[in-house]
Amino acid sequence: MIESIHPWNRAMWETLTQPGEHSTHAWLFKGPQGVGKTATAIQFALHLLSEGSADREKVRGLFCAASHPDFHVLIPELRRVEGEGLLERYAVRYVSAKKGKPSSIIGVDQIRQLIERVTTRAHTGVNKCVIISPAECMNPNSANALLKILEEPPTRTLFLLISAAPHRLPATIISRCSPVDLRAPDTDTARVWLLDQGLPDAGVDVLLALSGGAPLRAQRLHETGFLEHRREWMSDVLQLMEDRQDPLGVAAKWSRSDGPLAMDWLHRLVVDLMRVVFCEHPGTLYNPDVRTRLQDLRKHINVTALFDMFDRLGRDKQLFESPVDRNLILEDALIRLREVGLNLQQ
């Protein structure tokens, strides 16, 4: 099954699918996580593959069965191993023969395999379509290899790049793509949609705040029982800042629950602490339901350590997608968190 176009993306969908010849052969679907970039790109890929086909239902059947010969997907090997969606099933065609830990990047070998396969004519229609996601996971070598094919694309080969961090893409890649800028909807639209998906009214507003207003991210957080995890993580944070917990023990516990999600939430909590430190009553917080507790902490925070932790967490979140031991990254972050709260003991 493939997802339908989400309500807040329908205007962009109408623009993308206007009749007529395409003026570009590459699009960059960009925007924050959880706004429907991938769902929109997948639907657009199906639309492109169906163009000129006498049997669109057959095309759709092949596409949904992950067996369409003219649809190609490049994603990091690590994501293919961990995911079970349509893109992961297509990405099996580009599995690396190398043994070892799955890679977190899209390597140059994958791009080279892609080039070999898209230089032939389409098998079932007039178009061939490629999705690369997340595009920022290409390393310099793979980005350069892709650039060459974007500069001289094979006939009727269309590229859809998906990125939540387009600033990490080379400017030369960005300049060769038409932007598809997808944003989070307004709060009311997001709230109505989440309630329609069965989320309880009591938790919707907090989940939306924690997700930066991105409905799909809020939905995923709900499905993973995130609010219960966060309650435990918040207790651990306060105890660490008061030097009543062992950072190594907490890191081990967080790793067992969901290390990447815990790291992402910790980064957002540090952002909230910075907002409260410099503005006692900030307009928005990622964790609005603990505003009073954060305000109580503001006079006791080691501001220098807080800034240092903020800088390090930004880099640590990227390291989480690398071969580095995730538990070591968490341990380092939580040791630094204890330094942020040393003033609480005074």
C-alpha atoms as a PDB file:
ATOM      1  CA  MET A   1       0.000   0.000   0.000  1.00  0.00           C
ATOM      2  CA  ILE A   2       1.082   3.575  -0.601  1.00  0.00           C
ATOM      3  CA  GLU A   3      -0.081   6.591   1.365  1.00  0.00           C
ATOM      4  CA  SER A   4      -2.444   9.128  -0.148  1.00  0.00           C
ATOM      5  CA  ILE A   5      -1.600  12.801  -0.388  1.00  0.00           C
ATOM      6  CA  HIS A   6      -2.038  14.435   2.993  1.00  0.00           C
ATOM      7  CA  PRO A   7      -4.550  17.312   3.188  1.00  0.00           C
ATOM      8  CA  TRP A   8      -1.928  20.030   3.760  1.00  0.00           C
ATOM      9  CA  ASN A   9       0.057  18.902   0.685  1.00  0.00           C
ATOM     10  CA  ARG A  10      -2.806  18.786  -1.804  1.00  0.00           C
ATOM     11  CA  ALA A  11      -2.189  22.282  -3.196  1.00  0.00           C
ATOM     12  CA  MET A  12       1.415  21.339  -3.945  1.00  0.00           C
ATOM     13  CA  TRP A  13       0.211  18.069  -5.488  1.00  0.00           C
ATOM     14  CA  GLU A  14      -2.075  19.927  -7.870  1.00  0.00           C
ATOM     15  CA  THR A  15       0.855  22.087  -8.938  1.00  0.00           C
ATOM     16  CA  LEU A  16       3.129  19.080  -9.474  1.00  0.00           C
ATOM     17  CA  THR A  17       0.624  17.171 -11.587  1.00  0.00           C
ATOM     18  CA  GLN A  18      -0.582  19.926 -13.887  1.00  0.00           C
ATOM     19  CA  PRO A  19      -0.961  18.599 -17.451  1.00  0.00           C
ATOM     20  CA  GLY A  20       1.818  19.273 -19.930  1.00  0.00           C
ATOM     21  CA  GLU A  21       5.447  18.390 -20.481  1.00  0.00           C
ATOM     22  CA  HIS A  22       7.725  18.603 -17.481  1.00  0.00           C
ATOM     23  CA  SER A  23      10.186  21.476 -17.610  1.00  0.00           C
ATOM     24  CA  THR A  24      12.659  19.613 -15.422  1.00  0.00           C
ATOM     25  CA  HIS A  25      14.027  16.120 -14.966  1.00  0.00           C
ATOM     26  CA  ALA A  26      14.822  16.455 -11.243  1.00  0.00           C
ATOM     27  CA  TRP A  27      12.894  17.602  -8.175  1.00  0.00           C
ATOM     28  CA  LEU A  28      14.050  18.190  -4.601  1.00  0.00           C
ATOM     29  CA  PHE A  29      11.322  17.387  -2.043  1.00  0.00           C
ATOM     30  CA  LYS A  30      12.460  19.316   1.020  1.00  0.00           C
ATOM     31  CA  GLY A  31      11.018  20.139   4.416  1.00  0.00           C
ATOM     32  CA  PRO A  32      11.155  19.023   8.045  1.00  0.00           C
ATOM     33  CA  GLN A  33      10.654  15.423   9.066  1.00  0.00           C
ATOM     34  CA  GLY A  34       7.039  14.364   9.391  1.00  0.00           C
ATOM     35  CA  VAL A  35       5.307  16.597   6.823  1.00  0.00           C
ATOM     36  CA  GLY A  36       4.735  13.981   4.121  1.00  0.00           C
ATOM     37  CA  LYS A  37       7.701  14.457   1.760  1.00  0.00           C
ATOM     38  CA  THR A  38       8.166  10.746   1.152  1.00  0.00           C
ATOM     39  CA  ALA A  39       4.460   9.989   0.667  1.00  0.00           C
ATOM     40  CA  THR A  40       4.153  12.848  -1.831  1.00  0.00           C
ATOM     41  CA  ALA A  41       7.297  11.811  -3.704  1.00  0.00           C
ATOM     42  CA  ILE A  42       6.132   8.185  -3.925  1.00  0.00           C
ATOM     43  CA  GLN A  43       2.758   9.244  -5.333  1.00  0.00           C
ATOM     44  CA  PHE A  44       4.511  11.547  -7.784  1.00  0.00           C
ATOM     45  CA  ALA A  45       6.784   8.698  -8.889  1.00  0.00           C
ATOM     46  CA  LEU A  46       3.698   6.562  -9.593  1.00  0.00           C
ATOM     47  CA  HIS A  47       2.175   9.478 -11.501  1.00  0.00           C
ATOM     48  CA  LEU A  48       5.309   9.845 -13.653  1.00  0.00           C
ATOM     49  CA  LEU A  49       5.525   6.115 -14.353  1.00  0.00           C
ATOM     50  CA  SER A  50       1.860   6.023 -15.354  1.00  0.00           C
ATOM     51  CA  GLU A  51       2.233   8.769 -17.958  1.00  0.00           C
ATOM     52  CA  GLY A  52       1.696   7.440 -21.461  1.00  0.00           C
ATOM     53  CA  SER A  53       0.655   4.009 -20.207  1.00  0.00           C
ATOM     54  CA  ALA A  54      -2.374   2.310 -21.732  1.00  0.00           C
ATOM     55  CA  ASP A  55      -2.933   0.263 -18.571  1.00  0.00           C
ATOM     56  CA  ARG A  56      -2.484   2.453 -15.498  1.00  0.00           C
ATOM     57  CA  GLU A  57      -3.932  -0.189 -13.178  1.00  0.00           C
ATOM     58  CA  LYS A  58      -1.229  -2.609 -14.254  1.00  0.00           C
ATOM     59  CA  VAL A  59       1.408   0.048 -13.577  1.00  0.00           C
ATOM     60  CA  ARG A  60      -0.056   0.668 -10.148  1.00  0.00           C
ATOM     61  CA  GLY A  61      -0.160  -3.046  -9.376  1.00  0.00           C
ATOM     62  CA  LEU A  62       3.508  -3.498 -10.295  1.00  0.00           C
ATOM     63  CA  PHE A  63       4.450  -0.362  -8.379  1.00  0.00           C
ATOM     64  CA  CYS A  64       2.692  -1.353  -5.150  1.00  0.00           C
ATOM     65  CA  ALA A  65       4.109  -4.869  -5.344  1.00  0.00           C
ATOM     66  CA  ALA A  66       7.644  -3.388  -5.425  1.00  0.00           C
ATOM     67  CA  SER A  67       8.227  -5.038  -8.796  1.00  0.00           C
ATOM     68  CA  HIS A  68       8.057  -2.153 -11.258  1.00  0.00           C
ATOM     69  CA  PRO A  69      11.242  -2.456 -13.372  1.00  0.00           C
ATOM     70  CA  ASP A  70      11.493   1.279 -14.100  1.00  0.00           C
ATOM     71  CA  PHE A  71      11.342   2.507 -10.506  1.00  0.00           C
ATOM     72  CA  HIS A  72      14.672   2.739  -8.699  1.00  0.00           C
ATOM     73  CA  VAL A  73      15.318   3.631  -5.061  1.00  0.00           C
ATOM     74  CA  LEU A  74      18.579   4.512  -3.349  1.00  0.00           C
ATOM     75  CA  ILE A  75      18.617   4.708   0.443  1.00  0.00           C
ATOM     76  CA  PRO A  76      21.328   3.984   3.025  1.00  0.00           C
ATOM     77  CA  GLU A  77      21.816   0.290   3.697  1.00  0.00           C
ATOM     78  CA  LEU A  78      21.196   0.897   7.416  1.00  0.00           C
ATOM     79  CA  ARG A  79      17.760   2.321   6.706  1.00  0.00           C
ATOM     80  CA  ARG A  80      16.937  -0.578   4.360  1.00  0.00           C
ATOM     81  CA  VAL A  81      17.748  -3.057   7.106  1.00  0.00           C
ATOM     82  CA  GLU A  82      15.721  -1.210   9.754  1.00  0.00           C
ATOM     83  CA  GLY A  83      12.678  -0.297   7.614  1.00  0.00           C
ATOM     84  CA  GLU A  84       9.845  -2.257   6.031  1.00  0.00           C
ATOM     85  CA  GLY A  85       8.204   0.273   3.728  1.00  0.00           C
ATOM     86  CA  LEU A  86       7.849   0.429  -0.058  1.00  0.00           C
ATOM     87  CA  LEU A  87      11.163   2.249  -0.566  1.00  0.00           C
ATOM     88  CA  GLU A  88      13.026  -0.304   1.519  1.00  0.00           C
ATOM     89  CA  ARG A  89      11.602  -3.111  -0.614  1.00  0.00           C
ATOM     90  CA  TYR A  90      12.724  -1.440  -3.837  1.00  0.00           C
ATOM     91  CA  ALA A  91      16.129  -0.644  -2.374  1.00  0.00           C
ATOM     92  CA  VAL A  92      16.933  -4.372  -2.154  1.00  0.00           C
ATOM     93  CA  ARG A  93      18.060  -4.084  -5.790  1.00  0.00           C
ATOM     94  CA  TYR A  94      20.972  -1.965  -4.643  1.00  0.00           C
ATOM     95  CA  VAL A  95      22.171  -4.049  -1.716  1.00  0.00           C
ATOM     96  CA  SER A  96      25.924  -3.892  -1.259  1.00  0.00           C
ATOM     97  CA  ALA A  97      27.845  -7.145  -1.665  1.00  0.00           C
ATOM     98  CA  LYS A  98      30.213  -6.068   1.094  1.00  0.00           C
ATOM     99  CA  LYS A  99      29.798  -7.693   4.484  1.00  0.00           C
ATOM    100  CA  GLY A 100      29.906  -5.863   7.769  1.00  0.00           C
ATOM    101  CA  LYS A 101      27.850  -3.233   9.537  1.00  0.00           C
ATOM    102  CA  PRO A 102      25.169  -1.654   7.287  1.00  0.00           C
ATOM    103  CA  SER A 103      26.261   1.744   6.002  1.00  0.00           C
ATOM    104  CA  SER A 104      24.509   4.970   6.967  1.00  0.00           C
ATOM    105  CA  ILE A 105      25.449   6.669   3.677  1.00  0.00           C
ATOM    106  CA  ILE A 106      24.409   6.346   0.051  1.00  0.00           C
ATOM    107  CA  GLY A 107      27.680   5.255  -1.504  1.00  0.00           C
ATOM    108  CA  VAL A 108      29.197   5.858  -4.914  1.00  0.00           C
ATOM    109  CA  ASP A 109      28.789   2.166  -5.809  1.00  0.00           C
ATOM    110  CA  GLN A 110      25.022   2.554  -5.503  1.00  0.00           C
ATOM    111  CA  ILE A 111      25.083   5.554  -7.851  1.00  0.00           C
ATOM    112  CA  ARG A 112      27.212   3.635 -10.350  1.00  0.00           C
ATOM    113  CA  GLN A 113      24.804   0.694 -10.304  1.00  0.00           C
ATOM    114  CA  LEU A 114      21.943   3.133 -10.831  1.00  0.00           C
ATOM    115  CA  ILE A 115      23.642   4.721 -13.845  1.00  0.00           C
ATOM    116  CA  GLU A 116      24.079   1.308 -15.471  1.00  0.00           C
ATOM    117  CA  ARG A 117      20.406   0.459 -15.002  1.00  0.00           C
ATOM    118  CA  VAL A 118      18.780   3.710 -16.127  1.00  0.00           C
ATOM    119  CA  THR A 119      20.731   4.064 -19.364  1.00  0.00           C
ATOM    120  CA  THR A 120      18.476   1.446 -20.993  1.00  0.00           C
ATOM    121  CA  ARG A 121      15.001   2.178 -22.342  1.00  0.00           C
ATOM    122  CA  ALA A 122      11.954   1.990 -20.080  1.00  0.00           C
ATOM    123  CA  HIS A 123      10.493  -1.510 -19.808  1.00  0.00           C
ATOM    124  CA  THR A 124       6.800  -0.808 -19.245  1.00  0.00           C
ATOM    125  CA  GLY A 125       6.104   2.809 -20.185  1.00  0.00           C
ATOM    126  CA  VAL A 126       7.810   5.974 -21.356  1.00  0.00           C
ATOM    127  CA  ASN A 127       9.440   7.128 -18.095  1.00  0.00           C
ATOM    128  CA  LYS A 128      11.952   5.772 -15.614  1.00  0.00           C
ATOM    129  CA  CYS A 129      11.913   7.237 -12.119  1.00  0.00           C
ATOM    130  CA  VAL A 130      14.499   7.376  -9.335  1.00  0.00           C
ATOM    131  CA  ILE A 131      14.017   8.273  -5.666  1.00  0.00           C
ATOM    132  CA  ILE A 132      17.059   9.105  -3.527  1.00  0.00           C
ATOM    133  CA  SER A 133      16.318   9.457   0.188  1.00  0.00           C
ATOM    134  CA  PRO A 134      17.576  11.011   2.365  1.00  0.00           C
ATOM    135  CA  ALA A 135      19.581  12.795  -0.318  1.00  0.00           C
ATOM    136  CA  GLU A 136      21.853  14.395   2.291  1.00  0.00           C
ATOM    137  CA  CYS A 137      23.177  10.914   3.096  1.00  0.00           C
ATOM    138  CA  MET A 138      25.239  10.910  -0.098  1.00  0.00           C
ATOM    139  CA  ASN A 139      28.947  11.342   0.541  1.00  0.00           C
ATOM    140  CA  PRO A 140      31.043  13.674  -1.688  1.00  0.00           C
ATOM    141  CA  ASN A 141      31.931  10.878  -4.113  1.00  0.00           C
ATOM    142  CA  SER A 142      28.352   9.708  -4.591  1.00  0.00           C
ATOM    143  CA  ALA A 143      27.098  13.298  -4.887  1.00  0.00           C
ATOM    144  CA  ASN A 144      29.660  13.988  -7.624  1.00  0.00           C
ATOM    145  CA  ALA A 145      28.655  10.821  -9.464  1.00  0.00           C
ATOM    146  CA  LEU A 146      24.993  11.826  -9.262  1.00  0.00           C
ATOM    147  CA  LEU A 147      25.823  15.338 -10.472  1.00  0.00           C
ATOM    148  CA  LYS A 148      27.225  13.938 -13.696  1.00  0.00           C
ATOM    149  CA  ILE A 149      24.031  12.080 -14.504  1.00  0.00           C
ATOM    150  CA  LEU A 150      21.890  15.078 -13.527  1.00  0.00           C
ATOM    151  CA  GLU A 151      23.891  17.195 -15.967  1.00  0.00           C
ATOM    152  CA  GLU A 152      23.338  14.700 -18.800  1.00  0.00           C
ATOM    153  CA  PRO A 153      20.335  12.577 -17.791  1.00  0.00           C
ATOM    154  CA  PRO A 154      19.341   9.493 -19.768  1.00  0.00           C
ATOM    155  CA  THR A 155      16.248   9.921 -21.910  1.00  0.00           C
ATOM    156  CA  ARG A 156      12.978  10.051 -19.937  1.00  0.00           C
ATOM    157  CA  THR A 157      14.706   9.432 -16.604  1.00  0.00           C
ATOM    158  CA  LEU A 158      13.295  11.511 -13.757  1.00  0.00           C
ATOM    159  CA  PHE A 159      14.931  12.023 -10.364  1.00  0.00           C
ATOM    160  CA  LEU A 160      13.167  12.728  -7.066  1.00  0.00           C
ATOM    161  CA  LEU A 161      15.481  13.688  -4.197  1.00  0.00           C
ATOM    162  CA  ILE A 162      14.043  13.803  -0.674  1.00  0.00           C
ATOM    163  CA  SER A 163      15.769  15.781   2.064  1.00  0.00           C
ATOM    164  CA  ALA A 164      15.043  17.106   5.541  1.00  0.00           C
ATOM    165  CA  ALA A 165      18.454  18.819   5.527  1.00  0.00           C
ATOM    166  CA  PRO A 166      18.968  20.319   2.053  1.00  0.00           C
ATOM    167  CA  HIS A 167      21.685  22.601   3.448  1.00  0.00           C
ATOM    168  CA  ARG A 168      23.893  19.502   3.581  1.00  0.00           C
ATOM    169  CA  LEU A 169      23.568  18.956  -0.167  1.00  0.00           C
ATOM    170  CA  PRO A 170      26.105  20.446  -2.612  1.00  0.00           C
ATOM    171  CA  ALA A 171      24.864  23.646  -4.235  1.00  0.00           C
ATOM    172  CA  THR A 172      25.516  22.077  -7.630  1.00  0.00           C
ATOM    173  CA  ILE A 173      22.974  19.332  -6.882  1.00  0.00           C
ATOM    174  CA  ILE A 174      20.381  21.781  -5.566  1.00  0.00           C
ATOM    175  CA  SER A 175      20.738  24.034  -8.620  1.00  0.00           C
ATOM    176  CA  ARG A 176      19.778  21.181 -10.943  1.00  0.00           C
ATOM    177  CA  CYS A 177      16.545  20.350  -9.111  1.00  0.00           C
ATOM    178  CA  SER A 178      13.186  22.073  -9.045  1.00  0.00           C
ATOM    179  CA  PRO A 179      12.263  22.664  -5.391  1.00  0.00           C
ATOM    180  CA  VAL A 180       9.175  21.075  -3.884  1.00  0.00           C
ATOM    181  CA  ASP A 181       8.942  22.861  -0.547  1.00  0.00           C
ATOM    182  CA  LEU A 182       6.679  21.025   1.898  1.00  0.00           C
ATOM    183  CA  ARG A 183       5.822  22.612   5.230  1.00  0.00           C
ATOM    184  CA  ALA A 184       4.008  21.686   8.402  1.00  0.00           C
ATOM    185  CA  PRO A 185       0.333  22.691   8.317  1.00  0.00           C
ATOM    186  CA  ASP A 186      -1.275  25.139  10.695  1.00  0.00           C
ATOM    187  CA  THR A 187      -2.036  23.773  14.151  1.00  0.00           C
ATOM    188  CA  ASP A 188      -5.777  23.384  13.593  1.00  0.00           C
ATOM    189  CA  THR A 189      -5.308  21.374  10.391  1.00  0.00           C
ATOM    190  CA  ALA A 190      -2.700  19.156  12.036  1.00  0.00           C
ATOM    191  CA  ARG A 191      -4.842  18.665  15.125  1.00  0.00           C
ATOM    192  CA  VAL A 192      -7.964  17.678  13.167  1.00  0.00           C
ATOM    193  CA  TRP A 193      -5.970  15.217  11.060  1.00  0.00           C
ATOM    194  CA  LEU A 194      -4.374  13.572  14.113  1.00  0.00           C
ATOM    195  CA  LEU A 195      -7.726  13.213  15.854  1.00  0.00           C
ATOM    196  CA  ASP A 196      -9.088  11.606  12.668  1.00  0.00           C
ATOM    197  CA  GLN A 197      -6.219   9.093  12.914  1.00  0.00           C
ATOM    198  CA  GLY A 198      -7.433   8.075  16.351  1.00  0.00           C
ATOM    199  CA  LEU A 199      -5.019   9.954  18.613  1.00  0.00           C
ATOM    200  CA  PRO A 200      -6.460  10.854  22.029  1.00  0.00           C
ATOM    201  CA  ASP A 201      -7.409  14.490  22.386  1.00  0.00           C
ATOM    202  CA  ALA A 202      -5.457  14.823  25.646  1.00  0.00           C
ATOM    203  CA  GLY A 203      -2.053  14.154  24.095  1.00  0.00           C
ATOM    204  CA  VAL A 204      -2.342  15.759  20.667  1.00  0.00           C
ATOM    205  CA  ASP A 205      -1.158  19.251  21.584  1.00  0.00           C
ATOM    206  CA  VAL A 206       1.907  18.005  23.463  1.00  0.00           C
ATOM    207  CA  LEU A 207       2.808  15.584  20.658  1.00  0.00           C
ATOM    208  CA  LEU A 208       2.498  18.357  18.075  1.00  0.00           C
ATOM    209  CA  ALA A 209       4.707  20.656  20.130  1.00  0.00           C
ATOM    210  CA  LEU A 210       7.315  17.924  20.550  1.00  0.00           C
ATOM    211  CA  SER A 211       7.188  17.333  16.787  1.00  0.00           C
ATOM    212  CA  GLY A 212       7.609  20.948  15.784  1.00  0.00           C
ATOM    213  CA  GLY A 213       4.099  20.905  14.315  1.00  0.00           C
ATOM    214  CA  ALA A 214       4.808  17.984  11.956  1.00  0.00           C
ATOM    215  CA  PRO A 215       1.702  15.719  12.011  1.00  0.00           C
ATOM    216  CA  LEU A 216       3.313  12.502  10.772  1.00  0.00           C
ATOM    217  CA  ARG A 217       6.084  12.776  13.326  1.00  0.00           C
ATOM    218  CA  ALA A 218       3.489  13.356  16.059  1.00  0.00           C
ATOM    219  CA  GLN A 219       1.627  10.256  14.879  1.00  0.00           C
ATOM    220  CA  ARG A 220       4.798   8.133  14.964  1.00  0.00           C
ATOM    221  CA  LEU A 221       5.645   9.368  18.456  1.00  0.00           C
ATOM    222  CA  HIS A 222       2.203   8.342  19.665  1.00  0.00           C
ATOM    223  CA  GLU A 223       2.537   4.893  18.086  1.00  0.00           C
ATOM    224  CA  THR A 224       5.861   4.255  19.853  1.00  0.00           C
ATOM    225  CA  GLY A 225       4.496   5.196  23.280  1.00  0.00           C
ATOM    226  CA  PHE A 226       6.769   8.214  23.304  1.00  0.00           C
ATOM    227  CA  LEU A 227       4.989  10.158  26.039  1.00  0.00           C
ATOM    228  CA  GLU A 228       5.563   7.345  28.521  1.00  0.00           C
ATOM    229  CA  HIS A 229       9.244   7.126  27.542  1.00  0.00           C
ATOM    230  CA  ARG A 230       9.574  10.886  27.859  1.00  0.00           C
ATOM    231  CA  ARG A 231       8.143  10.810  31.380  1.00  0.00           C
ATOM    232  CA  GLU A 232      10.927   8.451  32.416  1.00  0.00           C
ATOM    233  CA  TRP A 233      13.584  10.385  30.475  1.00  0.00           C
ATOM    234  CA  MET A 234      12.512  13.654  32.097  1.00  0.00           C
ATOM    235  CA  SER A 235      12.844  12.122  35.543  1.00  0.00           C
ATOM    236  CA  ASP A 236      16.312  10.845  34.624  1.00  0.00           C
ATOM    237  CA  VAL A 237      17.354  14.281  33.337  1.00  0.00           C
ATOM    238  CA  LEU A 238      16.342  16.050  36.526  1.00  0.00           C
ATOM    239  CA  GLN A 239      18.159  13.487  38.655  1.00  0.00           C
ATOM    240  CA  LEU A 240      21.272  13.732  36.493  1.00  0.00           C
ATOM    241  CA  MET A 241      21.296  17.503  36.778  1.00  0.00           C
ATOM    242  CA  GLU A 242      21.097  17.118  40.549  1.00  0.00           C
ATOM    243  CA  ASP A 243      23.891  14.496  40.445  1.00  0.00           C
ATOM    244  CA  ARG A 244      21.575  11.785  41.795  1.00  0.00           C
ATOM    245  CA  GLN A 245      21.941   9.404  38.830  1.00  0.00           C
ATOM    246  CA  ASP A 246      24.812   7.635  37.101  1.00  0.00           C
ATOM    247  CA  PRO A 247      25.121   8.867  33.467  1.00  0.00           C
ATOM    248  CA  LEU A 248      26.426   5.509  32.282  1.00  0.00           C
ATOM    249  CA  GLY A 249      23.483   3.641  33.760  1.00  0.00           C
ATOM    250  CA  VAL A 250      21.000   6.101  32.289  1.00  0.00           C
ATOM    251  CA  ALA A 251      22.671   5.843  28.869  1.00  0.00           C
ATOM    252  CA  ALA A 252      22.342   2.063  28.936  1.00  0.00           C
ATOM    253  CA  LYS A 253      18.667   2.320  29.852  1.00  0.00           C
ATOM    254  CA  TRP A 254      17.939   4.873  27.114  1.00  0.00           C
ATOM    255  CA  SER A 255      19.726   2.737  24.534  1.00  0.00           C
ATOM    256  CA  ARG A 256      17.468  -0.189  25.400  1.00  0.00           C
ATOM    257  CA  SER A 257      14.326   1.891  24.871  1.00  0.00           C
ATOM    258  CA  ASP A 258      15.122   4.029  21.801  1.00  0.00           C
ATOM    259  CA  GLY A 259      18.526   5.713  21.758  1.00  0.00           C
ATOM    260  CA  PRO A 260      18.068   7.850  18.608  1.00  0.00           C
ATOM    261  CA  LEU A 261      14.656   9.089  19.734  1.00  0.00           C
ATOM    262  CA  ALA A 262      15.994   9.841  23.219  1.00  0.00           C
ATOM    263  CA  MET A 263      18.898  11.791  21.729  1.00  0.00           C
ATOM    264  CA  ASP A 264      16.567  13.810  19.509  1.00  0.00           C
ATOM    265  CA  TRP A 265      14.295  14.609  22.467  1.00  0.00           C
ATOM    266  CA  LEU A 266      17.272  15.566  24.651  1.00  0.00           C
ATOM    267  CA  HIS A 267      18.404  18.023  21.970  1.00  0.00           C
ATOM    268  CA  ARG A 268      14.949  19.613  21.951  1.00  0.00           C
ATOM    269  CA  LEU A 269      14.901  19.778  25.750  1.00  0.00           C
ATOM    270  CA  VAL A 270      18.236  21.603  25.715  1.00  0.00           C
ATOM    271  CA  VAL A 271      16.742  24.053  23.189  1.00  0.00           C
ATOM    272  CA  ASP A 272      13.857  24.617  25.634  1.00  0.00           C
ATOM    273  CA  LEU A 273      16.325  25.237  28.483  1.00  0.00           C
ATOM    274  CA  MET A 274      18.137  27.824  26.363  1.00  0.00           C
ATOM    275  CA  ARG A 275      14.873  29.559  25.563  1.00  0.00           C
ATOM    276  CA  VAL A 276      13.884  29.681  29.230  1.00  0.00           C
ATOM    277  CA  VAL A 277      17.320  30.877  30.348  1.00  0.00           C
ATOM    278  CA  PHE A 278      17.182  33.887  28.034  1.00  0.00           C
ATOM    279  CA  CYS A 279      13.454  34.537  28.181  1.00  0.00           C
ATOM    280  CA  GLU A 280      11.573  33.544  31.318  1.00  0.00           C
ATOM    281  CA  HIS A 281       8.303  33.202  29.401  1.00  0.00           C
ATOM    282  CA  PRO A 282       9.179  32.076  25.830  1.00  0.00           C
ATOM    283  CA  GLY A 283       6.306  31.894  23.383  1.00  0.00           C
ATOM    284  CA  THR A 284       6.922  28.308  22.283  1.00  0.00           C
ATOM    285  CA  LEU A 285       8.555  25.245  23.780  1.00  0.00           C
ATOM    286  CA  TYR A 286       8.978  21.699  22.509  1.00  0.00           C
ATOM    287  CA  ASN A 287       7.922  20.521  25.982  1.00  0.00           C
ATOM    288  CA  PRO A 288       5.191  22.998  26.937  1.00  0.00           C
ATOM    289  CA  ASP A 289       3.748  20.802  29.680  1.00  0.00           C
ATOM    290  CA  VAL A 290       6.950  21.085  31.781  1.00  0.00           C
ATOM    291  CA  ARG A 291       7.314  24.843  31.340  1.00  0.00           C
ATOM    292  CA  THR A 292       7.007  25.549  35.085  1.00  0.00           C
ATOM    293  CA  ARG A 293       9.689  23.013  35.972  1.00  0.00           C
ATOM    294  CA  LEU A 294      12.082  24.460  33.390  1.00  0.00           C
ATOM    295  CA  GLN A 295      11.439  27.970  34.695  1.00  0.00           C
ATOM    296  CA  ASP A 296      12.316  26.776  38.191  1.00  0.00           C
ATOM    297  CA  LEU A 297      15.669  25.530  36.859  1.00  0.00           C
ATOM    298  CA  ARG A 298      16.649  28.623  34.894  1.00  0.00           C
ATOM    299  CA  LYS A 299      18.531  30.447  37.691  1.00  0.00           C
ATOM    300  CA  HIS A 300      20.621  27.394  38.523  1.00  0.00           C
ATOM    301  CA  ILE A 301      21.779  26.412  35.036  1.00  0.00           C
ATOM    302  CA  ASN A 302      25.465  26.477  34.114  1.00  0.00           C
ATOM    303  CA  VAL A 303      24.961  28.541  30.938  1.00  0.00           C
ATOM    304  CA  THR A 304      28.452  27.896  29.526  1.00  0.00           C
ATOM    305  CA  ALA A 305      27.969  24.142  29.874  1.00  0.00           C
ATOM    306  CA  LEU A 306      24.467  24.461  28.372  1.00  0.00           C
ATOM    307  CA  PHE A 307      25.809  26.157  25.229  1.00  0.00           C
ATOM    308  CA  ASP A 308      28.576  23.596  24.943  1.00  0.00           C
ATOM    309  CA  MET A 309      26.066  20.776  25.217  1.00  0.00           C
ATOM    310  CA  PHE A 310      23.813  22.325  22.568  1.00  0.00           C
ATOM    311  CA  ASP A 311      26.705  22.507  20.098  1.00  0.00           C
ATOM    312  CA  ARG A 312      27.807  18.946  20.827  1.00  0.00           C
ATOM    313  CA  LEU A 313      24.301  17.482  20.566  1.00  0.00           C
ATOM    314  CA  GLY A 314      23.893  18.863  17.056  1.00  0.00           C
ATOM    315  CA  ARG A 315      26.977  16.906  15.982  1.00  0.00           C
ATOM    316  CA  ASP A 316      26.091  13.870  18.087  1.00  0.00           C
ATOM    317  CA  LYS A 317      22.724  13.447  16.349  1.00  0.00           C
ATOM    318  CA  GLN A 318      24.548  13.105  13.032  1.00  0.00           C
ATOM    319  CA  LEU A 319      27.011  10.654  14.580  1.00  0.00           C
ATOM    320  CA  PHE A 320      24.068   8.465  15.539  1.00  0.00           C
ATOM    321  CA  GLU A 321      23.764   7.592  11.837  1.00  0.00           C
ATOM    322  CA  SER A 322      27.459   6.636  11.626  1.00  0.00           C
ATOM    323  CA  PRO A 323      29.287   3.450  12.677  1.00  0.00           C
ATOM    324  CA  VAL A 324      30.248   5.059  16.015  1.00  0.00           C
ATOM    325  CA  ASP A 325      28.956   3.228  19.103  1.00  0.00           C
ATOM    326  CA  ARG A 326      25.619   4.898  19.950  1.00  0.00           C
ATOM    327  CA  ASN A 327      25.916   4.038  23.619  1.00  0.00           C
ATOM    328  CA  LEU A 328      29.194   5.966  23.876  1.00  0.00           C
ATOM    329  CA  ILE A 329      27.556   9.000  22.288  1.00  0.00           C
ATOM    330  CA  LEU A 330      24.700   8.860  24.794  1.00  0.00           C
ATOM    331  CA  GLU A 331      27.106   8.450  27.691  1.00  0.00           C
ATOM    332  CA  ASP A 332      29.048  11.542  26.638  1.00  0.00           C
ATOM    333  CA  ALA A 333      25.846  13.585  26.251  1.00  0.00           C
ATOM    334  CA  LEU A 334      24.512  12.608  29.665  1.00  0.00           C
ATOM    335  CA  ILE A 335      27.833  13.317  31.393  1.00  0.00           C
ATOM    336  CA  ARG A 336      27.684  16.791  29.855  1.00  0.00           C
ATOM    337  CA  LEU A 337      24.098  17.167  31.057  1.00  0.00           C
ATOM    338  CA  ARG A 338      25.265  16.633  34.627  1.00  0.00           C
ATOM    339  CA  GLU A 339      27.708  19.539  34.144  1.00  0.00           C
ATOM    340  CA  VAL A 340      24.815  21.754  33.008  1.00  0.00           C
ATOM    341  CA  GLY A 341      23.102  21.222  36.349  1.00  0.00           C
ATOM    342  CA  LEU A 342      26.073  21.510  38.706  1.00  0.00           C
ATOM    343  CA  ASN A 343      24.756  24.830  39.995  1.00  0.00           C
ATOM    344  CA  LEU A 344      21.680  23.020  41.317  1.00  0.00           C
ATOM    345  CA  GLN A 345      23.831  21.757  44.165  1.00  0.00           C
ATOM    346  CA  GLN A 346      24.783  25.255  45.312  1.00  0.00           C
END
